[in-house]
Structures are given as structure tokens and as C-alpha cells.
Amino acid sequence: MRKIITALVILAMLVAVAACGSSDNATAWVTDYGVSTNRARMSFNETTQFVPAPTSAAPLLADAPIEAEMNFAIVTMAGDSDDAFAGAGSAPASDTPRERLMIQTAWTEMETEDFDDTITALRALPAQANGYVENEQLSRRVFSMTMRIPAGSFHNVLSQVQSLAYVRTSSEEAEDVTDQFFDMEASLATRRIEEERLLALIDAADNVEDLLELESRLSRTRLQIETYRAQLANLSGRIAYSTIFITLFDIGEEVFVPVAGPSLGERIGGAFGESVDSVIGGGQNFVVFVAGAIIPLVIWGAIIFAVYKIARRIVRKMRKPRQVTDKPA
């Protein structure tokens, strides 16, 4: 009985010692994790920029793409603050609302009796507003123009345009591209950070295979950077300069200038020339017809002549016996 009690006491002591050891390890792990997390937050708050992980912590060519590494680092460093990293390479977001970025466009159709004067006035408007004429086209009674005007002067210039003639139709459009613009900016900043990291990895590459792969990814990244830059430049131009499409119609009465007719001599000479041309044309047509029909005429003529000769001989042969029987005995 004593042995059983002694064994139970020893087993209870061992369980208690193991539980204490695991509790100490868990406490130590939580403490280390909290310290490392606080250090990461302190590093982010002090530098306010993305710091790439050491080379020893990530392989030279990791299986996950660089974008995934960036997103993971952003989430880890952001901590409790949602605005700690509003966008790669951009300033932290604030509570101040963004100014809306708009692309303004107008279409107007007008008509006037003073066609030439109105065209002159329209051509002068863009320069007065520090804008420019993008293109124009003039036909006999229709004038088309596309003018680009600074956004701040858009409505003022549009009013001046419509005051020059009677407006048939008019429409305006304002396209909000704020989110599109800032998304492109954030994407461009992210690609530039990726470019810097790839350059650093290329400098640290120690074999040809890794170097070629990194250079290929760098080329794709730089192509994306140029694409984003071109798109941002296009958007910036359309935001800064609004567009006005103008179509102007001339409704003035057309002036017809009478043209003097031909004199009597000219009419007689013309009639004689037409008769000569008619005779010459008829002769030419006859010659052409004969040239085209001569071979069939010759062939059919020969056939008809041969048939005629054969038929004539047959008739002669049929008449000869009758002449013999009709003679007296």
C-alpha cells in the first residue's frame, strides 16, 4: 500500500513540474513576441517608411512574389493604426477630404448667318483663356473645332462660345477620376519600391541563374512603371485642360452667280462638232462590229455555200430520170 501511495505522489510531483515548465516557456514566448512586435512598431514609427527584411530572413529568390512580401510587411508594421501605411511611397492618410479631380467635357452645336465672322471669333477664344485649339475642320457650310481650356476657365469660355451663335444642342459631362488617379499613384509608388528592392537583390546575386531571373522581373517592373507614368500624364492633362467640342452650321442664304451661256457661233460650232463626232463614232462602231463578226460570217458563209451546192446536185440528179422517160418511143 505504501508503494502505491509513494508512486502516486511521485507522479503528481512530475506533472506539477512539467506544467510549471510549459507555463514558463509560453510566458517567455509571449514576452519575446511582444518585444519583437513593439520593436517593429517603434522602427516603423521612427522611420515612417518601408524597410526591407534582411537578406538572411528571406531567400534570394523566394517562392512568394515580392508584392506578397510587401503586403505582409505592411500589415505587420501597421499594427493598431489603419493609417500607418496608406499607400506604398505615399504620405499617411488624413481625415481631410481629398479634392475631387474632374475631367470636364462639353459638346455644343450652333448655327449662324455670320459664318466667317463667328469662325474668327471662335479661333480667338482659346488663346485668350491660355488654352489651345486641338483640331479643326472646315467644309463649305460646316465648321468643327475641338478646343482645350484650363479647367478653371471652362464654364466661362463655354458661355462665350455659346454667345456667338444660336445654340441648337448643348451637353456637359464631368467625370470623377479621383480614386483612379490616386490608385495609379499608389501603384506607381509600389512599383518603384519593387524596382529598388530588385536592384538591391541584383547587387547581392551570386549566380547567373538568379541574376537573369531578377533582371527579367526588373524589366517587367520598369515597363509597368512607364505604363503608369503615361496613364498618369494623360489623366493629369485631361484634368488640367477641359475639352469643348464645337460644331457650327452656316444658315445664311447662298449667293448664286449667273454664268453667261455660249454664243450662237459657239452653239453652231458645238452642234457641227457633235455631228462629226457622231458620224466618226458610228463608223468606228461599224468597223469594230465587222472585225468582231468577220470570222463567224466566213465560217457560216462557207457552211451555207456547201449546203447549197450539195442540195443543188441532189435536185439535178432527181430530175435526170424524168427527162429520159418523157422521150417518145
C-alpha atoms as a PDB file:
ATOM      1  CA  MET A   1       0.000   0.000   0.000  1.00  0.00           C
ATOM      2  CA  ARG A   2       2.838   2.343   0.858  1.00  0.00           C
ATOM      3  CA  LYS A   3       4.417   1.691  -2.544  1.00  0.00           C
ATOM      4  CA  ILE A   4       1.228   2.668  -4.356  1.00  0.00           C
ATOM      5  CA  ILE A   5       0.889   5.906  -2.356  1.00  0.00           C
ATOM      6  CA  THR A   6       4.557   6.731  -2.927  1.00  0.00           C
ATOM      7  CA  ALA A   7       4.181   6.153  -6.681  1.00  0.00           C
ATOM      8  CA  LEU A   8       1.105   8.417  -6.875  1.00  0.00           C
ATOM      9  CA  VAL A   9       2.913  11.209  -5.002  1.00  0.00           C
ATOM     10  CA  ILE A  10       5.935  10.984  -7.332  1.00  0.00           C
ATOM     11  CA  LEU A  11       3.631  11.056 -10.413  1.00  0.00           C
ATOM     12  CA  ALA A  12       1.807  14.143  -9.054  1.00  0.00           C
ATOM     13  CA  MET A  13       5.131  15.908  -8.468  1.00  0.00           C
ATOM     14  CA  LEU A  14       6.306  15.150 -12.035  1.00  0.00           C
ATOM     15  CA  VAL A  15       3.053  16.505 -13.537  1.00  0.00           C
ATOM     16  CA  ALA A  16       3.368  19.691 -11.480  1.00  0.00           C
ATOM     17  CA  VAL A  17       6.987  20.219 -12.561  1.00  0.00           C
ATOM     18  CA  ALA A  18       6.066  19.712 -16.267  1.00  0.00           C
ATOM     19  CA  ALA A  19       3.176  22.156 -16.016  1.00  0.00           C
ATOM     20  CA  CYS A  20       5.405  24.799 -14.482  1.00  0.00           C
ATOM     21  CA  GLY A  21       7.989  24.345 -17.222  1.00  0.00           C
ATOM     22  CA  SER A  22       5.455  24.708 -20.063  1.00  0.00           C
ATOM     23  CA  SER A  23       3.957  27.794 -18.400  1.00  0.00           C
ATOM     24  CA  ASP A  24       7.378  29.401 -18.205  1.00  0.00           C
ATOM     25  CA  ASN A  25       8.064  28.624 -21.886  1.00  0.00           C
ATOM     26  CA  ALA A  26       4.715  30.066 -23.012  1.00  0.00           C
ATOM     27  CA  THR A  27       5.305  33.183 -20.924  1.00  0.00           C
ATOM     28  CA  ALA A  28       8.755  33.580 -22.412  1.00  0.00           C
ATOM     29  CA  TRP A  29       7.406  33.118 -25.990  1.00  0.00           C
ATOM     30  CA  VAL A  30       4.674  35.701 -25.438  1.00  0.00           C
ATOM     31  CA  THR A  31       7.200  38.104 -23.922  1.00  0.00           C
ATOM     32  CA  ASP A  32       9.610  37.674 -26.823  1.00  0.00           C
ATOM     33  CA  TYR A  33       6.776  38.105 -29.364  1.00  0.00           C
ATOM     34  CA  GLY A  34       5.560  41.279 -27.654  1.00  0.00           C
ATOM     35  CA  VAL A  35       9.082  42.703 -27.545  1.00  0.00           C
ATOM     36  CA  SER A  36       9.708  41.925 -31.212  1.00  0.00           C
ATOM     37  CA  THR A  37       6.333  43.385 -32.182  1.00  0.00           C
ATOM     38  CA  ASN A  38       6.956  46.562 -30.185  1.00  0.00           C
ATOM     39  CA  ARG A  39      10.381  46.892 -31.771  1.00  0.00           C
ATOM     40  CA  ALA A  40       8.853  46.540 -35.216  1.00  0.00           C
ATOM     41  CA  ARG A  41       6.275  49.235 -34.383  1.00  0.00           C
ATOM     42  CA  MET A  42       8.959  51.530 -32.960  1.00  0.00           C
ATOM     43  CA  SER A  43      11.063  51.045 -36.104  1.00  0.00           C
ATOM     44  CA  PHE A  44       8.085  51.860 -38.335  1.00  0.00           C
ATOM     45  CA  ASN A  45       7.063  54.934 -36.329  1.00  0.00           C
ATOM     46  CA  GLU A  46      10.597  56.291 -36.298  1.00  0.00           C
ATOM     47  CA  THR A  47      11.355  55.792 -39.994  1.00  0.00           C
ATOM     48  CA  THR A  48       7.798  56.084 -41.423  1.00  0.00           C
ATOM     49  CA  GLN A  49       8.940  54.102 -44.430  1.00  0.00           C
ATOM     50  CA  PHE A  50       9.126  50.518 -45.570  1.00  0.00           C
ATOM     51  CA  VAL A  51      12.364  48.754 -44.522  1.00  0.00           C
ATOM     52  CA  PRO A  52      13.101  45.532 -46.471  1.00  0.00           C
ATOM     53  CA  ALA A  53      13.664  42.403 -44.452  1.00  0.00           C
ATOM     54  CA  PRO A  54      17.313  41.290 -44.040  1.00  0.00           C
ATOM     55  CA  THR A  55      18.667  39.002 -46.719  1.00  0.00           C
ATOM     56  CA  SER A  56      19.161  36.214 -44.203  1.00  0.00           C
ATOM     57  CA  ALA A  57      15.458  36.250 -43.302  1.00  0.00           C
ATOM     58  CA  ALA A  58      14.283  35.849 -46.922  1.00  0.00           C
ATOM     59  CA  PRO A  59      15.928  33.777 -49.658  1.00  0.00           C
ATOM     60  CA  LEU A  60      17.347  35.495 -52.712  1.00  0.00           C
ATOM     61  CA  LEU A  61      14.587  34.021 -54.886  1.00  0.00           C
ATOM     62  CA  ALA A  62      11.619  33.332 -52.599  1.00  0.00           C
ATOM     63  CA  ASP A  63       8.692  31.293 -53.796  1.00  0.00           C
ATOM     64  CA  ALA A  64       6.219  34.083 -52.973  1.00  0.00           C
ATOM     65  CA  PRO A  65       6.301  37.185 -55.205  1.00  0.00           C
ATOM     66  CA  ILE A  66       7.741  40.454 -53.977  1.00  0.00           C
ATOM     67  CA  GLU A  67       4.259  42.003 -53.896  1.00  0.00           C
ATOM     68  CA  ALA A  68       3.141  39.420 -51.309  1.00  0.00           C
ATOM     69  CA  GLU A  69       6.229  40.160 -49.161  1.00  0.00           C
ATOM     70  CA  MET A  70       5.439  43.868 -49.308  1.00  0.00           C
ATOM     71  CA  ASN A  71       1.797  43.354 -48.308  1.00  0.00           C
ATOM     72  CA  PHE A  72       2.821  41.128 -45.389  1.00  0.00           C
ATOM     73  CA  ALA A  73       5.385  43.667 -44.166  1.00  0.00           C
ATOM     74  CA  ILE A  74       2.809  46.472 -44.423  1.00  0.00           C
ATOM     75  CA  VAL A  75       0.230  44.563 -42.362  1.00  0.00           C
ATOM     76  CA  THR A  76       2.807  43.596 -39.739  1.00  0.00           C
ATOM     77  CA  MET A  77       4.228  47.086 -39.302  1.00  0.00           C
ATOM     78  CA  ALA A  78       0.872  48.857 -39.398  1.00  0.00           C
ATOM     79  CA  GLY A  79      -0.069  47.394 -36.018  1.00  0.00           C
ATOM     80  CA  ASP A  80      -3.114  49.021 -34.442  1.00  0.00           C
ATOM     81  CA  SER A  81      -3.116  52.033 -36.778  1.00  0.00           C
ATOM     82  CA  ASP A  82      -5.061  51.691 -40.054  1.00  0.00           C
ATOM     83  CA  ASP A  83      -3.439  54.838 -41.480  1.00  0.00           C
ATOM     84  CA  ALA A  84       0.147  53.895 -40.736  1.00  0.00           C
ATOM     85  CA  PHE A  85       0.696  52.895 -44.345  1.00  0.00           C
ATOM     86  CA  ALA A  86      -1.974  54.444 -46.588  1.00  0.00           C
ATOM     87  CA  GLY A  87      -0.125  53.568 -49.794  1.00  0.00           C
ATOM     88  CA  ALA A  88       3.356  52.493 -50.834  1.00  0.00           C
ATOM     89  CA  GLY A  89       5.549  55.563 -51.008  1.00  0.00           C
ATOM     90  CA  SER A  90       2.682  57.942 -50.158  1.00  0.00           C
ATOM     91  CA  ALA A  91       2.065  60.085 -47.119  1.00  0.00           C
ATOM     92  CA  PRO A  92      -0.175  58.751 -44.321  1.00  0.00           C
ATOM     93  CA  ALA A  93      -3.860  59.344 -44.913  1.00  0.00           C
ATOM     94  CA  SER A  94      -5.542  62.181 -43.080  1.00  0.00           C
ATOM     95  CA  ASP A  95      -9.115  62.983 -42.155  1.00  0.00           C
ATOM     96  CA  THR A  96      -9.101  65.920 -44.590  1.00  0.00           C
ATOM     97  CA  PRO A  97     -11.234  65.001 -47.636  1.00  0.00           C
ATOM     98  CA  ARG A  98      -9.404  64.880 -50.950  1.00  0.00           C
ATOM     99  CA  GLU A  99     -10.043  67.486 -53.583  1.00  0.00           C
ATOM    100  CA  ARG A 100     -12.104  65.863 -56.296  1.00  0.00           C
ATOM    101  CA  LEU A 101     -10.340  65.514 -59.641  1.00  0.00           C
ATOM    102  CA  MET A 102     -12.753  66.014 -62.533  1.00  0.00           C
ATOM    103  CA  ILE A 103     -12.484  65.683 -66.324  1.00  0.00           C
ATOM    104  CA  GLN A 104     -14.865  68.230 -67.835  1.00  0.00           C
ATOM    105  CA  THR A 105     -16.170  67.902 -71.390  1.00  0.00           C
ATOM    106  CA  ALA A 106     -18.792  69.859 -73.342  1.00  0.00           C
ATOM    107  CA  TRP A 107     -20.449  69.402 -76.739  1.00  0.00           C
ATOM    108  CA  THR A 108     -22.315  72.213 -78.482  1.00  0.00           C
ATOM    109  CA  GLU A 109     -23.923  72.604 -81.918  1.00  0.00           C
ATOM    110  CA  MET A 110     -24.673  76.109 -83.155  1.00  0.00           C
ATOM    111  CA  GLU A 111     -25.882  77.869 -86.283  1.00  0.00           C
ATOM    112  CA  THR A 112     -25.334  81.371 -87.610  1.00  0.00           C
ATOM    113  CA  GLU A 113     -25.752  83.586 -90.640  1.00  0.00           C
ATOM    114  CA  ASP A 114     -22.406  85.332 -89.987  1.00  0.00           C
ATOM    115  CA  PHE A 115     -20.413  82.184 -90.634  1.00  0.00           C
ATOM    116  CA  ASP A 116     -16.964  83.639 -91.334  1.00  0.00           C
ATOM    117  CA  ASP A 117     -17.053  86.211 -88.505  1.00  0.00           C
ATOM    118  CA  THR A 118     -18.147  83.585 -85.987  1.00  0.00           C
ATOM    119  CA  ILE A 119     -15.310  81.285 -87.007  1.00  0.00           C
ATOM    120  CA  THR A 120     -12.815  84.108 -86.479  1.00  0.00           C
ATOM    121  CA  ALA A 121     -14.220  84.792 -83.003  1.00  0.00           C
ATOM    122  CA  LEU A 122     -14.128  81.091 -82.073  1.00  0.00           C
ATOM    123  CA  ARG A 123     -10.495  80.763 -83.110  1.00  0.00           C
ATOM    124  CA  ALA A 124      -9.537  83.688 -80.854  1.00  0.00           C
ATOM    125  CA  LEU A 125     -11.181  82.347 -77.670  1.00  0.00           C
ATOM    126  CA  PRO A 126      -8.698  79.577 -76.664  1.00  0.00           C
ATOM    127  CA  ALA A 127      -5.658  81.881 -76.750  1.00  0.00           C
ATOM    128  CA  GLN A 128      -7.474  84.452 -74.594  1.00  0.00           C
ATOM    129  CA  ALA A 129      -8.032  81.794 -71.918  1.00  0.00           C
ATOM    130  CA  ASN A 130      -4.474  80.358 -72.140  1.00  0.00           C
ATOM    131  CA  GLY A 131      -5.838  77.301 -73.940  1.00  0.00           C
ATOM    132  CA  TYR A 132      -5.277  75.959 -77.424  1.00  0.00           C
ATOM    133  CA  VAL A 133      -7.074  74.532 -80.443  1.00  0.00           C
ATOM    134  CA  GLU A 134      -6.566  70.772 -80.609  1.00  0.00           C
ATOM    135  CA  ASN A 135      -8.014  70.370 -84.112  1.00  0.00           C
ATOM    136  CA  GLU A 136     -10.481  71.969 -86.500  1.00  0.00           C
ATOM    137  CA  GLN A 137     -12.135  71.178 -89.828  1.00  0.00           C
ATOM    138  CA  LEU A 138     -13.906  73.487 -92.283  1.00  0.00           C
ATOM    139  CA  SER A 139     -16.201  72.360 -95.091  1.00  0.00           C
ATOM    140  CA  ARG A 140     -18.385  74.516 -97.324  1.00  0.00           C
ATOM    141  CA  ARG A 141     -21.064  75.256 -94.731  1.00  0.00           C
ATOM    142  CA  VAL A 142     -19.937  73.380 -91.556  1.00  0.00           C
ATOM    143  CA  PHE A 143     -17.097  74.227 -89.162  1.00  0.00           C
ATOM    144  CA  SER A 144     -15.864  71.820 -86.456  1.00  0.00           C
ATOM    145  CA  MET A 145     -13.415  72.669 -83.671  1.00  0.00           C
ATOM    146  CA  THR A 146     -12.005  70.997 -80.555  1.00  0.00           C
ATOM    147  CA  MET A 147     -10.529  73.400 -78.015  1.00  0.00           C
ATOM    148  CA  ARG A 148      -8.694  72.620 -74.750  1.00  0.00           C
ATOM    149  CA  ILE A 149      -9.271  75.137 -71.978  1.00  0.00           C
ATOM    150  CA  PRO A 150      -7.778  75.356 -68.443  1.00  0.00           C
ATOM    151  CA  ALA A 151     -10.243  73.747 -66.044  1.00  0.00           C
ATOM    152  CA  GLY A 152     -10.755  76.969 -64.088  1.00  0.00           C
ATOM    153  CA  SER A 153     -11.911  78.828 -67.209  1.00  0.00           C
ATOM    154  CA  PHE A 154     -14.070  76.023 -68.631  1.00  0.00           C
ATOM    155  CA  HIS A 155     -17.543  77.393 -67.908  1.00  0.00           C
ATOM    156  CA  ASN A 156     -16.555  80.979 -68.690  1.00  0.00           C
ATOM    157  CA  VAL A 157     -15.217  80.049 -72.142  1.00  0.00           C
ATOM    158  CA  LEU A 158     -18.190  77.780 -72.816  1.00  0.00           C
ATOM    159  CA  SER A 159     -20.544  80.693 -72.127  1.00  0.00           C
ATOM    160  CA  GLN A 160     -18.577  82.892 -74.522  1.00  0.00           C
ATOM    161  CA  VAL A 161     -18.708  80.195 -77.215  1.00  0.00           C
ATOM    162  CA  GLN A 162     -22.466  79.830 -76.929  1.00  0.00           C
ATOM    163  CA  SER A 163     -22.973  83.601 -77.022  1.00  0.00           C
ATOM    164  CA  LEU A 164     -21.514  83.814 -80.531  1.00  0.00           C
ATOM    165  CA  ALA A 165     -24.348  81.954 -82.305  1.00  0.00           C
ATOM    166  CA  TYR A 166     -27.705  80.302 -81.819  1.00  0.00           C
ATOM    167  CA  VAL A 167     -27.302  77.060 -79.856  1.00  0.00           C
ATOM    168  CA  ARG A 168     -29.060  74.047 -81.323  1.00  0.00           C
ATOM    169  CA  THR A 169     -27.956  71.485 -78.724  1.00  0.00           C
ATOM    170  CA  SER A 170     -25.563  71.537 -75.779  1.00  0.00           C
ATOM    171  CA  SER A 171     -24.410  68.981 -73.227  1.00  0.00           C
ATOM    172  CA  GLU A 172     -21.778  68.751 -70.490  1.00  0.00           C
ATOM    173  CA  GLU A 173     -20.092  65.898 -68.648  1.00  0.00           C
ATOM    174  CA  ALA A 174     -17.918  65.839 -65.517  1.00  0.00           C
ATOM    175  CA  GLU A 175     -16.111  62.545 -64.902  1.00  0.00           C
ATOM    176  CA  ASP A 176     -14.748  61.975 -61.387  1.00  0.00           C
ATOM    177  CA  VAL A 177     -11.328  60.288 -61.656  1.00  0.00           C
ATOM    178  CA  THR A 178     -10.091  60.971 -58.112  1.00  0.00           C
ATOM    179  CA  ASP A 179      -9.930  57.341 -56.995  1.00  0.00           C
ATOM    180  CA  GLN A 180      -8.475  56.219 -60.326  1.00  0.00           C
ATOM    181  CA  PHE A 181      -5.750  58.870 -60.155  1.00  0.00           C
ATOM    182  CA  PHE A 182      -4.646  58.123 -56.582  1.00  0.00           C
ATOM    183  CA  ASP A 183      -4.806  54.365 -57.177  1.00  0.00           C
ATOM    184  CA  MET A 184      -2.427  54.827 -60.099  1.00  0.00           C
ATOM    185  CA  GLU A 185      -0.129  56.952 -57.950  1.00  0.00           C
ATOM    186  CA  ALA A 186      -0.067  54.276 -55.244  1.00  0.00           C
ATOM    187  CA  SER A 187       0.604  51.545 -57.822  1.00  0.00           C
ATOM    188  CA  LEU A 188       3.418  53.604 -59.325  1.00  0.00           C
ATOM    189  CA  ALA A 189       4.985  54.127 -55.885  1.00  0.00           C
ATOM    190  CA  THR A 190       4.733  50.393 -55.152  1.00  0.00           C
ATOM    191  CA  ARG A 191       6.437  49.513 -58.434  1.00  0.00           C
ATOM    192  CA  ARG A 192       9.244  51.976 -57.693  1.00  0.00           C
ATOM    193  CA  ILE A 193       9.828  50.355 -54.297  1.00  0.00           C
ATOM    194  CA  GLU A 194       9.857  46.971 -56.034  1.00  0.00           C
ATOM    195  CA  GLU A 195      12.401  48.328 -58.520  1.00  0.00           C
ATOM    196  CA  GLU A 196      14.690  49.434 -55.663  1.00  0.00           C
ATOM    197  CA  ARG A 197      14.420  46.051 -53.968  1.00  0.00           C
ATOM    198  CA  LEU A 198      15.158  44.207 -57.211  1.00  0.00           C
ATOM    199  CA  LEU A 199      18.234  46.373 -57.785  1.00  0.00           C
ATOM    200  CA  ALA A 200      19.441  45.532 -54.284  1.00  0.00           C
ATOM    201  CA  LEU A 201      18.851  41.824 -54.889  1.00  0.00           C
ATOM    202  CA  ILE A 202      20.684  42.022 -58.224  1.00  0.00           C
ATOM    203  CA  ASP A 203      23.702  43.533 -56.465  1.00  0.00           C
ATOM    204  CA  ALA A 204      23.627  40.660 -53.958  1.00  0.00           C
ATOM    205  CA  ALA A 205      23.085  37.881 -56.523  1.00  0.00           C
ATOM    206  CA  ASP A 206      25.870  35.297 -56.530  1.00  0.00           C
ATOM    207  CA  ASN A 207      24.911  33.116 -59.519  1.00  0.00           C
ATOM    208  CA  VAL A 208      23.931  33.689 -63.129  1.00  0.00           C
ATOM    209  CA  GLU A 209      20.529  31.960 -62.910  1.00  0.00           C
ATOM    210  CA  ASP A 210      19.316  34.212 -60.076  1.00  0.00           C
ATOM    211  CA  LEU A 211      20.744  37.263 -61.833  1.00  0.00           C
ATOM    212  CA  LEU A 212      18.869  36.530 -65.082  1.00  0.00           C
ATOM    213  CA  GLU A 213      15.581  35.934 -63.250  1.00  0.00           C
ATOM    214  CA  LEU A 214      15.935  39.164 -61.265  1.00  0.00           C
ATOM    215  CA  GLU A 215      16.779  41.177 -64.369  1.00  0.00           C
ATOM    216  CA  SER A 216      13.710  39.766 -66.135  1.00  0.00           C
ATOM    217  CA  ARG A 217      11.487  40.809 -63.236  1.00  0.00           C
ATOM    218  CA  LEU A 218      13.161  44.202 -63.170  1.00  0.00           C
ATOM    219  CA  SER A 219      12.359  44.716 -66.867  1.00  0.00           C
ATOM    220  CA  ARG A 220       8.690  43.883 -66.276  1.00  0.00           C
ATOM    221  CA  THR A 221       8.576  46.217 -63.287  1.00  0.00           C
ATOM    222  CA  ARG A 222      10.103  49.095 -65.232  1.00  0.00           C
ATOM    223  CA  LEU A 223       7.630  48.527 -68.078  1.00  0.00           C
ATOM    224  CA  GLN A 224       4.788  48.776 -65.555  1.00  0.00           C
ATOM    225  CA  ILE A 225       6.331  51.966 -64.153  1.00  0.00           C
ATOM    226  CA  GLU A 226       6.415  53.572 -67.606  1.00  0.00           C
ATOM    227  CA  THR A 227       2.821  52.476 -68.258  1.00  0.00           C
ATOM    228  CA  TYR A 228       1.604  54.033 -65.007  1.00  0.00           C
ATOM    229  CA  ARG A 229       3.559  57.213 -65.710  1.00  0.00           C
ATOM    230  CA  ALA A 230       1.989  57.548 -69.171  1.00  0.00           C
ATOM    231  CA  GLN A 231      -1.503  56.928 -67.785  1.00  0.00           C
ATOM    232  CA  LEU A 232      -0.971  59.498 -65.019  1.00  0.00           C
ATOM    233  CA  ALA A 233       0.320  62.053 -67.538  1.00  0.00           C
ATOM    234  CA  ASN A 234      -2.733  61.500 -69.722  1.00  0.00           C
ATOM    235  CA  LEU A 235      -5.108  61.825 -66.765  1.00  0.00           C
ATOM    236  CA  SER A 236      -3.305  64.927 -65.497  1.00  0.00           C
ATOM    237  CA  GLY A 237      -3.603  66.592 -68.902  1.00  0.00           C
ATOM    238  CA  ARG A 238      -7.314  65.831 -69.178  1.00  0.00           C
ATOM    239  CA  ILE A 239      -7.902  67.100 -65.636  1.00  0.00           C
ATOM    240  CA  ALA A 240      -5.933  70.304 -66.116  1.00  0.00           C
ATOM    241  CA  TYR A 241      -7.427  71.123 -69.538  1.00  0.00           C
ATOM    242  CA  SER A 242     -11.137  70.653 -70.190  1.00  0.00           C
ATOM    243  CA  THR A 243     -12.408  69.882 -73.684  1.00  0.00           C
ATOM    244  CA  ILE A 244     -15.067  71.708 -75.712  1.00  0.00           C
ATOM    245  CA  PHE A 245     -16.333  70.193 -78.979  1.00  0.00           C
ATOM    246  CA  ILE A 246     -17.971  72.765 -81.272  1.00  0.00           C
ATOM    247  CA  THR A 247     -19.942  72.279 -84.498  1.00  0.00           C
ATOM    248  CA  LEU A 248     -21.047  75.440 -86.318  1.00  0.00           C
ATOM    249  CA  PHE A 249     -23.539  75.432 -89.222  1.00  0.00           C
ATOM    250  CA  ASP A 250     -23.914  78.190 -91.806  1.00  0.00           C
ATOM    251  CA  ILE A 251     -27.610  79.013 -92.374  1.00  0.00           C
ATOM    252  CA  GLY A 252     -27.036  82.146 -94.482  1.00  0.00           C
ATOM    253  CA  GLU A 253     -28.538  82.266 -97.977  1.00  0.00           C
ATOM    254  CA  GLU A 254     -26.204  81.046-100.659  1.00  0.00           C
ATOM    255  CA  VAL A 255     -25.416  83.577-103.419  1.00  0.00           C
ATOM    256  CA  PHE A 256     -25.604  82.139-106.901  1.00  0.00           C
ATOM    257  CA  VAL A 257     -23.567  83.989-109.533  1.00  0.00           C
ATOM    258  CA  PRO A 258     -25.133  83.618-113.040  1.00  0.00           C
ATOM    259  CA  VAL A 259     -22.792  82.225-115.664  1.00  0.00           C
ATOM    260  CA  ALA A 260     -23.081  83.574-119.238  1.00  0.00           C
ATOM    261  CA  GLY A 261     -24.216  80.942-121.764  1.00  0.00           C
ATOM    262  CA  PRO A 262     -22.463  80.148-125.074  1.00  0.00           C
ATOM    263  CA  SER A 263     -22.914  82.454-128.085  1.00  0.00           C
ATOM    264  CA  LEU A 264     -24.712  81.462-131.326  1.00  0.00           C
ATOM    265  CA  GLY A 265     -21.457  80.731-133.124  1.00  0.00           C
ATOM    266  CA  GLU A 266     -20.275  78.585-130.234  1.00  0.00           C
ATOM    267  CA  ARG A 267     -23.556  76.684-130.281  1.00  0.00           C
ATOM    268  CA  ILE A 268     -23.354  76.122-134.086  1.00  0.00           C
ATOM    269  CA  GLY A 269     -19.743  75.036-133.841  1.00  0.00           C
ATOM    270  CA  GLY A 270     -20.653  72.730-130.997  1.00  0.00           C
ATOM    271  CA  ALA A 271     -23.550  71.174-132.950  1.00  0.00           C
ATOM    272  CA  PHE A 272     -21.347  70.634-136.052  1.00  0.00           C
ATOM    273  CA  GLY A 273     -18.636  69.101-133.932  1.00  0.00           C
ATOM    274  CA  GLU A 274     -21.148  66.789-132.278  1.00  0.00           C
ATOM    275  CA  SER A 275     -22.483  65.642-135.711  1.00  0.00           C
ATOM    276  CA  VAL A 276     -18.955  64.950-136.960  1.00  0.00           C
ATOM    277  CA  ASP A 277     -18.190  63.078-133.754  1.00  0.00           C
ATOM    278  CA  SER A 278     -21.416  61.090-134.201  1.00  0.00           C
ATOM    279  CA  VAL A 279     -20.505  60.063-137.778  1.00  0.00           C
ATOM    280  CA  ILE A 280     -16.987  59.164-136.783  1.00  0.00           C
ATOM    281  CA  GLY A 281     -18.254  57.250-133.789  1.00  0.00           C
ATOM    282  CA  GLY A 282     -20.782  55.327-135.956  1.00  0.00           C
ATOM    283  CA  GLY A 283     -18.076  54.374-138.465  1.00  0.00           C
ATOM    284  CA  GLN A 284     -15.787  53.233-135.677  1.00  0.00           C
ATOM    285  CA  ASN A 285     -18.562  51.131-134.186  1.00  0.00           C
ATOM    286  CA  PHE A 286     -19.256  49.530-137.610  1.00  0.00           C
ATOM    287  CA  VAL A 287     -15.591  48.691-138.110  1.00  0.00           C
ATOM    288  CA  VAL A 288     -15.444  47.189-134.649  1.00  0.00           C
ATOM    289  CA  PHE A 289     -18.592  45.154-135.343  1.00  0.00           C
ATOM    290  CA  VAL A 290     -17.228  43.830-138.648  1.00  0.00           C
ATOM    291  CA  ALA A 291     -13.902  42.979-137.060  1.00  0.00           C
ATOM    292  CA  GLY A 292     -15.668  41.016-134.382  1.00  0.00           C
ATOM    293  CA  ALA A 293     -18.145  39.272-136.728  1.00  0.00           C
ATOM    294  CA  ILE A 294     -15.980  38.539-139.798  1.00  0.00           C
ATOM    295  CA  ILE A 295     -14.759  35.138-138.677  1.00  0.00           C
ATOM    296  CA  PRO A 296     -18.234  33.808-137.773  1.00  0.00           C
ATOM    297  CA  LEU A 297     -19.586  35.250-141.091  1.00  0.00           C
ATOM    298  CA  VAL A 298     -16.897  33.491-143.119  1.00  0.00           C
ATOM    299  CA  ILE A 299     -17.496  30.165-141.374  1.00  0.00           C
ATOM    300  CA  TRP A 300     -21.262  30.342-141.646  1.00  0.00           C
ATOM    301  CA  GLY A 301     -20.994  31.544-145.263  1.00  0.00           C
ATOM    302  CA  ALA A 302     -18.821  28.570-146.169  1.00  0.00           C
ATOM    303  CA  ILE A 303     -21.235  26.175-144.484  1.00  0.00           C
ATOM    304  CA  ILE A 304     -24.241  27.709-146.213  1.00  0.00           C
ATOM    305  CA  PHE A 305     -22.438  27.640-149.618  1.00  0.00           C
ATOM    306  CA  ALA A 306     -21.508  23.972-149.180  1.00  0.00           C
ATOM    307  CA  VAL A 307     -25.073  23.067-148.169  1.00  0.00           C
ATOM    308  CA  TYR A 308     -26.379  24.958-151.211  1.00  0.00           C
ATOM    309  CA  LYS A 309     -24.050  23.096-153.621  1.00  0.00           C
ATOM    310  CA  ILE A 310     -24.962  19.717-152.174  1.00  0.00           C
ATOM    311  CA  ALA A 311     -28.655  20.454-152.341  1.00  0.00           C
ATOM    312  CA  ARG A 312     -28.368  21.628-155.933  1.00  0.00           C
ATOM    313  CA  ARG A 313     -26.601  18.431-157.036  1.00  0.00           C
ATOM    314  CA  ILE A 314     -29.248  16.299-155.359  1.00  0.00           C
ATOM    315  CA  VAL A 315     -32.003  18.172-157.171  1.00  0.00           C
ATOM    316  CA  ARG A 316     -30.246  17.722-160.545  1.00  0.00           C
ATOM    317  CA  LYS A 317     -29.884  14.004-160.031  1.00  0.00           C
ATOM    318  CA  MET A 318     -33.551  13.687-159.185  1.00  0.00           C
ATOM    319  CA  ARG A 319     -34.596  15.496-162.412  1.00  0.00           C
ATOM    320  CA  LYS A 320     -32.495  13.472-164.930  1.00  0.00           C
ATOM    321  CA  PRO A 321     -34.573  10.176-164.928  1.00  0.00           C
ATOM    322  CA  ARG A 322     -37.799  12.053-165.585  1.00  0.00           C
ATOM    323  CA  GLN A 323     -36.308  13.673-168.694  1.00  0.00           C
ATOM    324  CA  VAL A 324     -35.345  10.215-170.075  1.00  0.00           C
ATOM    325  CA  THR A 325     -38.772   8.609-169.538  1.00  0.00           C
ATOM    326  CA  ASP A 326     -40.567  11.529-171.102  1.00  0.00           C
ATOM    327  CA  LYS A 327     -38.880  10.980-174.591  1.00  0.00           C
ATOM    328  CA  PRO A 328     -41.124   9.375-177.399  1.00  0.00           C
ATOM    329  CA  ALA A 329     -40.525   5.741-178.318  1.00  0.00           C
END
